[in-house]
């Protein structure tokens, strides 16, 4: 009997199977990443009387300042423009903060990763959950805005739920992908921050796509506009852009596929890059 016959070596798991198990473990530990997200918010605003509501106040001030000014510049009715701006800024705040914080998904918890055997995906869920909580704080102004401007709430408002679910999914993908890239290449974070600032001005967030005239179709194909539109349109009860759901579905499928392939390929290297 040879040594190879006497001993059976365990089969080596594929990278894809390990990545799937990591993602499944991250999902099932929702109690952990939700608690960590709440702790992050408490620590960030420790010693503050209003806590994250300071961000809500700043958004209210921005809505009033920008709304009154740009309604005049764009020749818009303030009663329709202010709600448009209000929901757009709240959703954009979630998207932009999630993208910016994704660059440090693994960097800020490097000591935890090197000492505690937790699923790597847990840290991405934590980033998205933290920003969803902040967005929920900011969203308390929406009912007051809808009431003030007489915008009715109906069954169409429920379309916000799948829209937010899709944004959360894409947020997890971005957190994992940018988190890995930024861990390997530390110059990515400032590049992403500058990119987000530029995108804010070229995306129909505070200006209506109709301002572009016959070119508005190009702006409506912007994935970030589509991400905002699938939430803003149901809240305000206005028609959604024709391709918003199609664009978001395509982006989500592509983001999920690319992120999973990258996660399966480079997951093992994250601790060494730290």
Protein backbone atom coordinates (compact mmCIF):
# COMPACT_ATOMS: atom_id res chain seq x y z
CA UNK A 1 0.00 0.00 0.00
CA UNK A 2 1.44 3.32 -1.01
CA UNK A 3 1.28 6.52 0.98
CA UNK A 4 -1.17 7.97 -1.53
CA UNK A 5 -3.49 5.02 -0.98
CA UNK A 6 -3.30 5.21 2.79
CA UNK A 7 -4.08 8.91 3.06
CA UNK A 8 -6.87 10.72 1.28
CA UNK A 9 -6.23 14.41 0.86
CA UNK A 10 -9.28 16.62 1.35
CA UNK A 11 -10.61 18.22 -1.80
CA UNK A 12 -9.67 21.87 -2.24
CA UNK A 13 -12.72 24.14 -2.35
CA UNK A 14 -13.04 26.49 -5.27
CA UNK A 15 -12.75 30.22 -4.79
CA UNK A 16 -16.35 30.66 -5.91
CA UNK A 17 -17.64 28.28 -3.25
CA UNK A 18 -15.64 30.02 -0.53
CA UNK A 19 -16.92 33.41 -1.68
CA UNK A 20 -20.51 32.16 -1.65
CA UNK A 21 -20.10 30.82 1.87
CA UNK A 22 -18.63 34.15 2.98
CA UNK A 23 -21.59 36.05 1.51
CA UNK A 24 -24.10 33.66 3.06
CA UNK A 25 -22.40 33.97 6.45
CA UNK A 26 -22.50 37.75 6.14
CA UNK A 27 -26.22 37.75 5.38
CA UNK A 28 -27.09 35.44 8.28
CA UNK A 29 -25.19 37.65 10.73
CA UNK A 30 -27.48 40.62 10.21
CA UNK A 31 -27.74 41.03 13.98
CA UNK A 32 -24.01 41.72 14.09
CA UNK A 33 -23.56 44.16 11.24
CA UNK A 34 -26.72 46.07 12.18
CA UNK A 35 -25.45 46.40 15.77
CA UNK A 36 -22.03 47.50 14.52
CA UNK A 37 -23.66 50.05 12.22
CA UNK A 38 -25.59 51.53 15.15
CA UNK A 39 -22.41 51.62 17.20
CA UNK A 40 -20.61 53.49 14.40
CA UNK A 41 -23.29 56.17 14.43
CA UNK A 42 -23.21 56.48 18.22
CA UNK A 43 -19.43 56.83 18.23
CA UNK A 44 -19.46 59.33 15.37
CA UNK A 45 -21.88 61.64 17.19
CA UNK A 46 -20.77 60.92 20.74
CA UNK A 47 -21.19 64.00 22.90
CA UNK A 48 -23.61 65.62 20.44
CA UNK A 49 -27.10 66.53 21.60
CA UNK A 50 -28.78 65.99 18.23
CA UNK A 51 -26.51 63.26 16.91
CA UNK A 52 -27.13 62.37 13.24
CA UNK A 53 -30.01 64.84 13.14
CA UNK A 54 -27.38 67.54 12.61
CA UNK A 55 -27.03 66.10 9.10
CA UNK A 56 -30.81 66.29 8.72
CA UNK A 57 -30.75 69.96 9.71
CA UNK A 58 -27.98 70.67 7.23
CA UNK A 59 -29.99 69.01 4.44
CA UNK A 60 -33.05 71.10 5.33
CA UNK A 61 -30.95 74.27 5.12
CA UNK A 62 -29.46 73.13 1.80
CA UNK A 63 -32.90 72.34 0.38
CA UNK A 64 -34.25 75.77 1.29
CA UNK A 65 -31.17 77.64 0.09
CA UNK A 66 -30.73 75.72 -3.17
CA UNK A 67 -34.45 75.34 -3.76
CA UNK A 68 -35.28 79.01 -3.67
CA UNK A 69 -32.24 79.96 -5.76
CA UNK A 70 -32.33 77.26 -8.42
CA UNK A 71 -36.10 77.38 -8.76
CA UNK A 72 -35.57 80.95 -9.93
CA UNK A 73 -32.60 80.08 -12.16
CA UNK A 74 -34.33 77.11 -13.77
CA UNK A 75 -37.66 78.94 -13.91
CA UNK A 76 -39.39 76.21 -11.94
CA UNK A 77 -42.42 76.41 -9.70
CA UNK A 78 -41.05 76.18 -6.12
CA UNK A 79 -44.03 74.02 -5.10
CA UNK A 80 -42.86 71.34 -7.53
CA UNK A 81 -39.12 71.97 -7.47
CA UNK A 82 -38.55 71.88 -3.70
CA UNK A 83 -39.97 68.34 -3.25
CA UNK A 84 -37.96 67.24 -6.31
CA UNK A 85 -34.80 68.63 -4.75
CA UNK A 86 -35.66 67.32 -1.26
CA UNK A 87 -35.96 63.66 -2.23
CA UNK A 88 -33.10 63.88 -4.71
CA UNK A 89 -30.66 65.22 -2.12
CA UNK A 90 -31.66 62.65 0.50
CA UNK A 91 -31.15 59.72 -1.88
CA UNK A 92 -27.95 61.25 -3.25
CA UNK A 93 -26.61 61.64 0.26
CA UNK A 94 -27.00 57.89 0.76
CA UNK A 95 -25.44 57.02 -2.61
CA UNK A 96 -22.48 59.40 -2.37
CA UNK A 97 -21.65 58.57 1.25
CA UNK A 98 -21.84 54.85 0.55
CA UNK A 99 -19.49 55.20 -2.43
CA UNK A 100 -17.01 57.33 -0.49
CA UNK A 101 -17.01 55.08 2.57
CA UNK A 102 -16.66 51.98 0.39
CA UNK A 103 -13.05 52.93 -0.24
CA UNK A 104 -12.30 52.21 3.43
CA UNK A 105 -14.56 49.19 3.91
CA UNK A 106 -11.68 46.97 4.98
CA UNK A 107 -9.06 49.58 5.85
CA UNK A 108 -10.90 50.98 8.87
CA UNK A 109 -11.38 47.48 10.33
CA UNK A 110 -7.94 46.12 9.51
CA UNK A 111 -7.22 45.21 13.14
CA UNK A 112 -10.51 43.30 13.37
CA UNK A 113 -9.86 41.40 10.14
CA UNK A 114 -6.39 40.36 11.28
CA UNK A 115 -7.56 39.15 14.68
CA UNK A 116 -11.17 37.91 14.37
CA UNK A 117 -12.30 35.35 11.76
CA UNK A 118 -15.40 37.15 10.49
CA UNK A 119 -16.88 37.03 6.98
CA UNK A 120 -15.41 39.80 4.86
CA UNK A 121 -18.83 40.55 3.42
CA UNK A 122 -20.04 41.49 6.91
CA UNK A 123 -18.07 44.73 6.71
CA UNK A 124 -19.75 45.67 3.42
CA UNK A 125 -23.19 45.04 4.91
CA UNK A 126 -22.15 47.21 7.84
CA UNK A 127 -21.30 50.16 5.57
CA UNK A 128 -24.62 49.97 3.72
CA UNK A 129 -26.66 49.48 6.90
CA UNK A 130 -25.00 52.48 8.54
CA UNK A 131 -25.89 54.74 5.63
CA UNK A 132 -29.43 53.38 5.43
CA UNK A 133 -29.92 54.35 9.07
CA UNK A 134 -28.63 57.85 8.36
CA UNK A 135 -30.93 58.12 5.35
CA UNK A 136 -33.85 57.08 7.55
CA UNK A 137 -33.00 59.97 9.88
CA UNK A 138 -32.94 62.37 6.95
CA UNK A 139 -36.16 60.97 5.49
CA UNK A 140 -38.23 62.23 8.43
CA UNK A 141 -38.50 65.55 6.60
CA UNK A 142 -40.16 63.91 3.58
CA UNK A 143 -43.66 63.45 5.11
CA UNK A 144 -43.66 67.08 6.23
CA UNK A 145 -42.59 68.20 2.76
CA UNK A 146 -45.28 66.10 1.08
CA UNK A 147 -47.90 67.48 3.46
CA UNK A 148 -46.77 71.08 3.04
CA UNK A 149 -46.88 70.96 -0.76
CA UNK A 150 -50.05 68.85 -0.91
CA UNK A 151 -48.51 65.81 -2.60
CA UNK A 152 -50.78 62.78 -2.12
CA UNK A 153 -49.50 59.43 -0.87
CA UNK A 154 -50.95 56.35 -2.57
CA UNK A 155 -50.17 52.79 -3.52
CA UNK A 156 -47.54 54.04 -5.94
CA UNK A 157 -45.44 55.03 -2.93
CA UNK A 158 -44.84 51.34 -2.17
CA UNK A 159 -42.57 51.19 -5.22
CA UNK A 160 -40.02 52.87 -2.98
CA UNK A 161 -39.42 49.50 -1.27
CA UNK A 162 -37.99 47.61 -4.28
CA UNK A 163 -36.10 50.76 -5.24
CA UNK A 164 -34.37 50.97 -1.87
CA UNK A 165 -33.71 47.22 -1.90
CA UNK A 166 -31.95 47.56 -5.25
CA UNK A 167 -29.90 50.50 -3.97
CA UNK A 168 -28.88 48.47 -0.92
CA UNK A 169 -27.81 45.55 -3.14
CA UNK A 170 -25.74 47.84 -5.35
CA UNK A 171 -24.29 49.46 -2.23
CA UNK A 172 -23.03 46.09 -0.98
CA UNK A 173 -21.49 45.40 -4.39
CA UNK A 174 -19.75 48.79 -4.44
CA UNK A 175 -18.54 48.36 -0.86
CA UNK A 176 -16.98 44.99 -1.61
CA UNK A 177 -15.47 45.96 -4.95
CA UNK A 178 -14.10 49.39 -4.02
CA UNK A 179 -13.09 48.05 -0.63
CA UNK A 180 -10.84 45.43 -2.23
CA UNK A 181 -9.43 47.80 -4.84
CA UNK A 182 -8.70 50.51 -2.26
CA UNK A 183 -7.05 48.00 0.06
CA UNK A 184 -4.63 47.09 -2.71
CA UNK A 185 -4.22 50.58 -4.19
CA UNK A 186 -4.45 53.34 -1.58
CA UNK A 187 -4.72 56.11 -4.18
CA UNK A 188 -8.20 54.99 -5.14
CA UNK A 189 -9.98 56.71 -2.21
CA UNK A 190 -9.16 60.34 -3.16
CA UNK A 191 -9.89 59.56 -6.82
CA UNK A 192 -13.32 58.24 -5.88
CA UNK A 193 -14.05 61.26 -3.68
CA UNK A 194 -13.21 63.69 -6.49
CA UNK A 195 -15.20 61.63 -8.98
CA UNK A 196 -18.30 61.73 -6.75
CA UNK A 197 -18.06 65.51 -6.44
CA UNK A 198 -17.96 65.92 -10.22
CA UNK A 199 -20.82 63.46 -10.78
CA UNK A 200 -23.04 65.50 -8.44
CA UNK A 201 -23.08 68.40 -10.87
CA UNK A 202 -23.56 66.38 -14.08
CA UNK A 203 -26.36 64.18 -12.72
CA UNK A 204 -29.98 65.44 -12.64
CA UNK A 205 -30.15 65.68 -8.86
CA UNK A 206 -30.86 69.37 -8.31
CA UNK A 207 -31.71 70.16 -11.93
CA UNK A 208 -34.51 68.53 -13.94
CA UNK A 209 -33.49 66.49 -17.02
CA UNK A 210 -35.94 68.53 -19.08
CA UNK A 211 -33.49 71.44 -18.84
CA UNK A 212 -31.37 69.66 -21.46
CA UNK A 213 -34.14 69.82 -24.03
CA UNK A 214 -33.73 67.18 -26.73
CA UNK A 215 -30.65 65.83 -24.93
CA UNK A 216 -32.53 64.87 -21.79
CA UNK A 217 -32.62 61.22 -22.90
CA UNK A 218 -28.85 61.05 -22.42
CA UNK A 219 -29.12 62.30 -18.84
CA UNK A 220 -31.84 59.75 -18.13
CA UNK A 221 -29.45 56.94 -19.07
CA UNK A 222 -27.11 58.01 -16.28
CA UNK A 223 -27.15 55.10 -13.77
CA UNK A 224 -26.97 57.49 -10.82
CA UNK A 225 -30.00 59.40 -12.08
CA UNK A 226 -31.83 56.09 -12.52
CA UNK A 227 -30.90 55.14 -8.95
CA UNK A 228 -32.45 58.35 -7.67
CA UNK A 229 -35.42 58.22 -10.03
CA UNK A 230 -36.66 54.79 -8.89
CA UNK A 231 -37.05 56.26 -5.40
CA UNK A 232 -37.94 59.88 -6.12
CA UNK A 233 -40.69 59.23 -8.67
CA UNK A 234 -42.78 56.93 -6.42
CA UNK A 235 -42.44 59.28 -3.46
CA UNK A 236 -43.58 62.32 -5.45
CA UNK A 237 -46.11 60.43 -7.54
CA UNK A 238 -44.60 61.65 -10.81
CA UNK A 239 -43.92 59.63 -13.96
CA UNK A 240 -40.67 57.72 -13.87
CA UNK A 241 -38.15 58.10 -16.68
CA UNK A 242 -38.74 55.44 -19.34
CA UNK A 243 -35.52 53.49 -18.81
CA UNK A 244 -34.79 53.94 -15.10
CA UNK A 245 -35.70 50.41 -14.00
CA UNK A 246 -34.08 48.89 -17.09
CA UNK A 247 -30.85 50.82 -16.49
CA UNK A 248 -30.79 49.88 -12.80
CA UNK A 249 -31.51 46.23 -13.55
CA UNK A 250 -28.64 46.10 -16.06
CA UNK A 251 -26.27 47.93 -13.71
CA UNK A 252 -27.20 45.66 -10.80
CA UNK A 253 -26.64 42.47 -12.79
CA UNK A 254 -23.29 43.74 -14.07
CA UNK A 255 -22.22 44.99 -10.62
CA UNK A 256 -23.21 41.72 -8.97
CA UNK A 257 -21.34 39.62 -11.51
CA UNK A 258 -18.15 41.72 -11.50
CA UNK A 259 -18.12 42.01 -7.73
CA UNK A 260 -18.61 38.29 -7.18
CA UNK A 261 -15.86 37.37 -9.65
CA UNK A 262 -13.47 39.85 -8.04
CA UNK A 263 -14.43 38.76 -4.52
CA UNK A 264 -13.91 35.10 -5.38
CA UNK A 265 -10.56 35.87 -6.99
CA UNK A 266 -9.06 38.26 -4.43
CA UNK A 267 -10.85 37.46 -1.17
CA UNK A 268 -7.88 35.51 0.22
CA UNK A 269 -5.52 38.42 -0.35
CA UNK A 270 -7.41 41.06 1.66
CA UNK A 271 -5.60 40.34 4.97
CA UNK A 272 -2.21 40.46 3.25
CA UNK A 273 -2.98 43.76 1.53
CA UNK A 274 -3.86 45.29 4.89
